[in-house]
Amino acid sequence: MTAVTVVFASLGLVTLVSAYLVVTSDQIVHAALWLVLTLGGLAALFVLLAAELVAWVQVLVYVGSVVVLLLFALMLTRAPTGSGSATATANQPLAGVVAAATTVALGAVMWAGFGGEVIDEDAIRVGTAERLGDAIFRTWVLPFEVLSVVLLAALIGAIVLTRRGER
């Protein structure tokens, strides 16, 4: 067992625990902050997998944009953020069962698809930044732009909803 494996397992455990705390937190702001830790842990895992560009995209897009937009929307709409504000329904046991079943199903799919695969470290070819940039800015540029418009519309909608109550 190498040091990288130990660090990877540790980061994976921290990411899983923080993801669990995102969905079980009673306060919505605390859930958003746990989400920051979860997404940061994923970015660190990408760094360990030698996918630095994907890690930076994870940090910039998700941590830097989505979570900040979520927190701004909470502040602008004056949503309740105290204890119990994230508890919207009494269906938590059913949601837990559905989440566990989904996790088992996804694990079974991953095992069926990759169960017998062995990674040969000598055969790993890391993609260049040029090839990845070419794929992002030629193939995936439209989804990135649509995402930016959707985020902008959500922020403008939060401002409109806030201002409507003042008039």
Protein backbone atom coordinates (compact mmCIF):
# COMPACT_ATOMS: atom_id res chain seq x y z
CA MET A 1 0.00 0.00 0.00
CA THR A 2 1.54 3.27 -1.15
CA ALA A 3 1.24 6.73 0.38
CA VAL A 4 -0.87 7.88 -2.57
CA THR A 5 -3.34 5.07 -1.89
CA VAL A 6 -3.60 6.05 1.77
CA VAL A 7 -4.15 9.72 0.88
CA PHE A 8 -6.71 8.75 -1.77
CA ALA A 9 -8.62 6.56 0.70
CA SER A 10 -8.50 9.28 3.35
CA LEU A 11 -9.76 11.95 0.94
CA GLY A 12 -12.46 9.57 -0.26
CA LEU A 13 -13.61 8.97 3.31
CA VAL A 14 -13.67 12.71 4.08
CA THR A 15 -15.63 13.34 0.88
CA LEU A 16 -18.17 10.61 1.69
CA VAL A 17 -18.67 11.82 5.26
CA SER A 18 -19.09 15.43 4.18
CA ALA A 19 -21.54 14.36 1.44
CA TYR A 20 -23.54 12.52 4.09
CA LEU A 21 -23.54 15.65 6.24
CA VAL A 22 -24.79 17.71 3.28
CA VAL A 23 -27.99 15.72 3.12
CA THR A 24 -28.50 15.24 6.86
CA SER A 25 -27.77 18.76 8.12
CA ASP A 26 -30.72 20.59 9.72
CA GLN A 27 -29.42 24.02 8.68
CA ILE A 28 -29.30 24.89 5.02
CA VAL A 29 -26.23 27.12 5.33
CA HIS A 30 -24.32 24.36 7.09
CA ALA A 31 -25.37 21.98 4.32
CA ALA A 32 -23.97 24.43 1.75
CA LEU A 33 -20.67 24.63 3.64
CA TRP A 34 -20.46 20.83 3.84
CA LEU A 35 -21.06 20.86 0.08
CA VAL A 36 -17.99 23.07 -0.29
CA LEU A 37 -15.93 20.47 1.58
CA THR A 38 -17.41 17.66 -0.53
CA LEU A 39 -16.63 19.39 -3.82
CA GLY A 40 -13.16 20.35 -2.59
CA GLY A 41 -12.51 16.72 -1.67
CA LEU A 42 -13.54 15.67 -5.17
CA ALA A 43 -11.15 18.22 -6.63
CA ALA A 44 -8.35 16.82 -4.48
CA LEU A 45 -9.17 13.31 -5.70
CA PHE A 46 -8.93 14.57 -9.28
CA VAL A 47 -5.49 16.01 -8.50
CA LEU A 48 -4.36 12.61 -7.21
CA LEU A 49 -5.64 11.06 -10.44
CA ALA A 50 -3.42 13.46 -12.44
CA ALA A 51 -6.42 15.37 -13.79
CA GLU A 52 -5.39 18.84 -12.67
CA LEU A 53 -7.49 20.70 -15.22
CA VAL A 54 -10.63 18.83 -14.19
CA ALA A 55 -9.79 19.59 -10.55
CA TRP A 56 -9.53 23.31 -11.27
CA VAL A 57 -12.76 23.26 -13.24
CA GLN A 58 -14.36 21.52 -10.24
CA VAL A 59 -13.11 24.26 -7.92
CA LEU A 60 -13.92 27.19 -10.19
CA VAL A 61 -17.30 26.08 -11.51
CA TYR A 62 -18.81 24.19 -8.59
CA VAL A 63 -17.18 25.64 -5.49
CA GLY A 64 -16.66 29.08 -6.94
CA SER A 65 -19.95 29.47 -8.78
CA VAL A 66 -22.66 27.03 -7.82
CA VAL A 67 -22.17 27.13 -4.05
CA VAL A 68 -21.73 30.91 -4.04
CA LEU A 69 -24.89 31.24 -6.15
CA LEU A 70 -26.72 28.99 -3.69
CA LEU A 71 -25.61 31.11 -0.74
CA PHE A 72 -26.51 34.35 -2.53
CA ALA A 73 -29.94 32.96 -3.39
CA LEU A 74 -30.47 32.07 0.27
CA MET A 75 -29.48 35.56 1.35
CA LEU A 76 -31.49 37.37 -1.32
CA THR A 77 -34.72 35.43 -0.87
CA ARG A 78 -34.60 35.74 2.92
CA ALA A 79 -35.20 32.01 3.23
CA PRO A 80 -35.22 30.63 6.77
CA THR A 81 -31.74 29.41 7.63
CA GLY A 82 -32.14 28.44 11.28
CA SER A 83 -32.36 25.02 12.84
CA GLY A 84 -34.82 22.79 11.02
CA SER A 85 -34.87 24.96 7.90
CA ALA A 86 -33.61 22.13 5.72
CA THR A 87 -36.20 19.68 7.00
CA ALA A 88 -38.90 19.95 4.37
CA THR A 89 -40.72 16.67 4.73
CA ALA A 90 -41.23 13.70 7.01
CA ASN A 91 -40.26 11.26 4.26
CA GLN A 92 -36.64 10.97 5.37
CA PRO A 93 -36.76 7.20 6.05
CA LEU A 94 -38.19 6.55 2.58
CA ALA A 95 -35.61 8.90 1.03
CA GLY A 96 -32.86 7.00 2.87
CA VAL A 97 -34.10 3.66 1.51
CA VAL A 98 -34.29 5.05 -2.03
CA ALA A 99 -30.78 6.53 -1.69
CA ALA A 100 -29.38 3.23 -0.40
CA ALA A 101 -31.06 1.30 -3.22
CA THR A 102 -29.69 3.74 -5.79
CA THR A 103 -26.20 3.42 -4.30
CA VAL A 104 -26.37 -0.38 -4.46
CA ALA A 105 -27.65 -0.27 -8.05
CA LEU A 106 -24.88 2.11 -9.15
CA GLY A 107 -22.30 -0.03 -7.37
CA ALA A 108 -23.61 -3.12 -9.16
CA VAL A 109 -23.42 -1.34 -12.52
CA MET A 110 -19.84 -0.21 -11.82
CA TRP A 111 -18.84 -3.71 -10.71
CA ALA A 112 -20.44 -5.29 -13.78
CA GLY A 113 -18.67 -2.83 -16.06
CA PHE A 114 -15.25 -2.64 -14.42
CA GLY A 115 -15.08 -5.52 -11.93
CA GLY A 116 -12.28 -7.45 -13.59
CA GLU A 117 -10.26 -4.52 -14.93
CA VAL A 118 -6.67 -4.01 -13.84
CA ILE A 119 -4.95 -0.69 -14.37
CA ASP A 120 -1.51 -1.07 -15.91
CA GLU A 121 0.48 1.95 -14.72
CA ASP A 122 2.88 1.66 -17.65
CA ALA A 123 0.07 1.86 -20.20
CA ILE A 124 -1.58 4.99 -18.76
CA ARG A 125 -1.55 7.82 -21.27
CA VAL A 126 -2.38 11.18 -19.78
CA GLY A 127 -4.22 13.47 -22.17
CA THR A 128 -2.57 16.75 -22.98
CA ALA A 129 -4.09 20.09 -22.07
CA GLU A 130 -4.32 20.84 -25.79
CA ARG A 131 -6.53 17.80 -26.47
CA LEU A 132 -8.68 18.47 -23.42
CA GLY A 133 -9.04 22.17 -24.25
CA ASP A 134 -9.94 21.27 -27.81
CA ALA A 135 -12.67 18.93 -26.58
CA ILE A 136 -14.05 21.47 -24.12
CA PHE A 137 -14.07 24.49 -26.39
CA ARG A 138 -15.22 22.74 -29.55
CA THR A 139 -17.50 19.95 -28.35
CA TRP A 140 -18.71 21.21 -24.96
CA VAL A 141 -18.75 24.99 -25.37
CA LEU A 142 -22.55 25.17 -25.81
CA PRO A 143 -23.35 23.31 -22.54
CA PHE A 144 -20.93 25.59 -20.65
CA GLU A 145 -22.62 28.68 -22.07
CA VAL A 146 -26.11 27.32 -21.34
CA LEU A 147 -25.01 26.65 -17.76
CA SER A 148 -23.81 30.23 -17.37
CA VAL A 149 -27.15 31.59 -18.67
CA VAL A 150 -29.10 29.31 -16.31
CA LEU A 151 -27.01 30.45 -13.33
CA LEU A 152 -27.51 34.09 -14.31
CA ALA A 153 -31.28 33.54 -14.69
CA ALA A 154 -31.41 31.94 -11.23
CA LEU A 155 -29.63 34.91 -9.68
CA ILE A 156 -31.89 37.41 -11.45
CA GLY A 157 -34.94 35.38 -10.36
CA ALA A 158 -33.78 35.51 -6.74
CA ILE A 159 -33.39 39.29 -6.96
CA VAL A 160 -36.86 39.70 -8.53
CA LEU A 161 -38.47 37.52 -5.86
CA THR A 162 -36.80 39.55 -3.14
CA ARG A 163 -37.78 42.91 -4.60
CA ARG A 164 -41.40 41.89 -5.19
CA GLY A 165 -42.12 41.80 -1.43
CA GLU A 166 -40.75 45.32 -0.86
CA ARG A 167 -43.10 47.15 -3.23
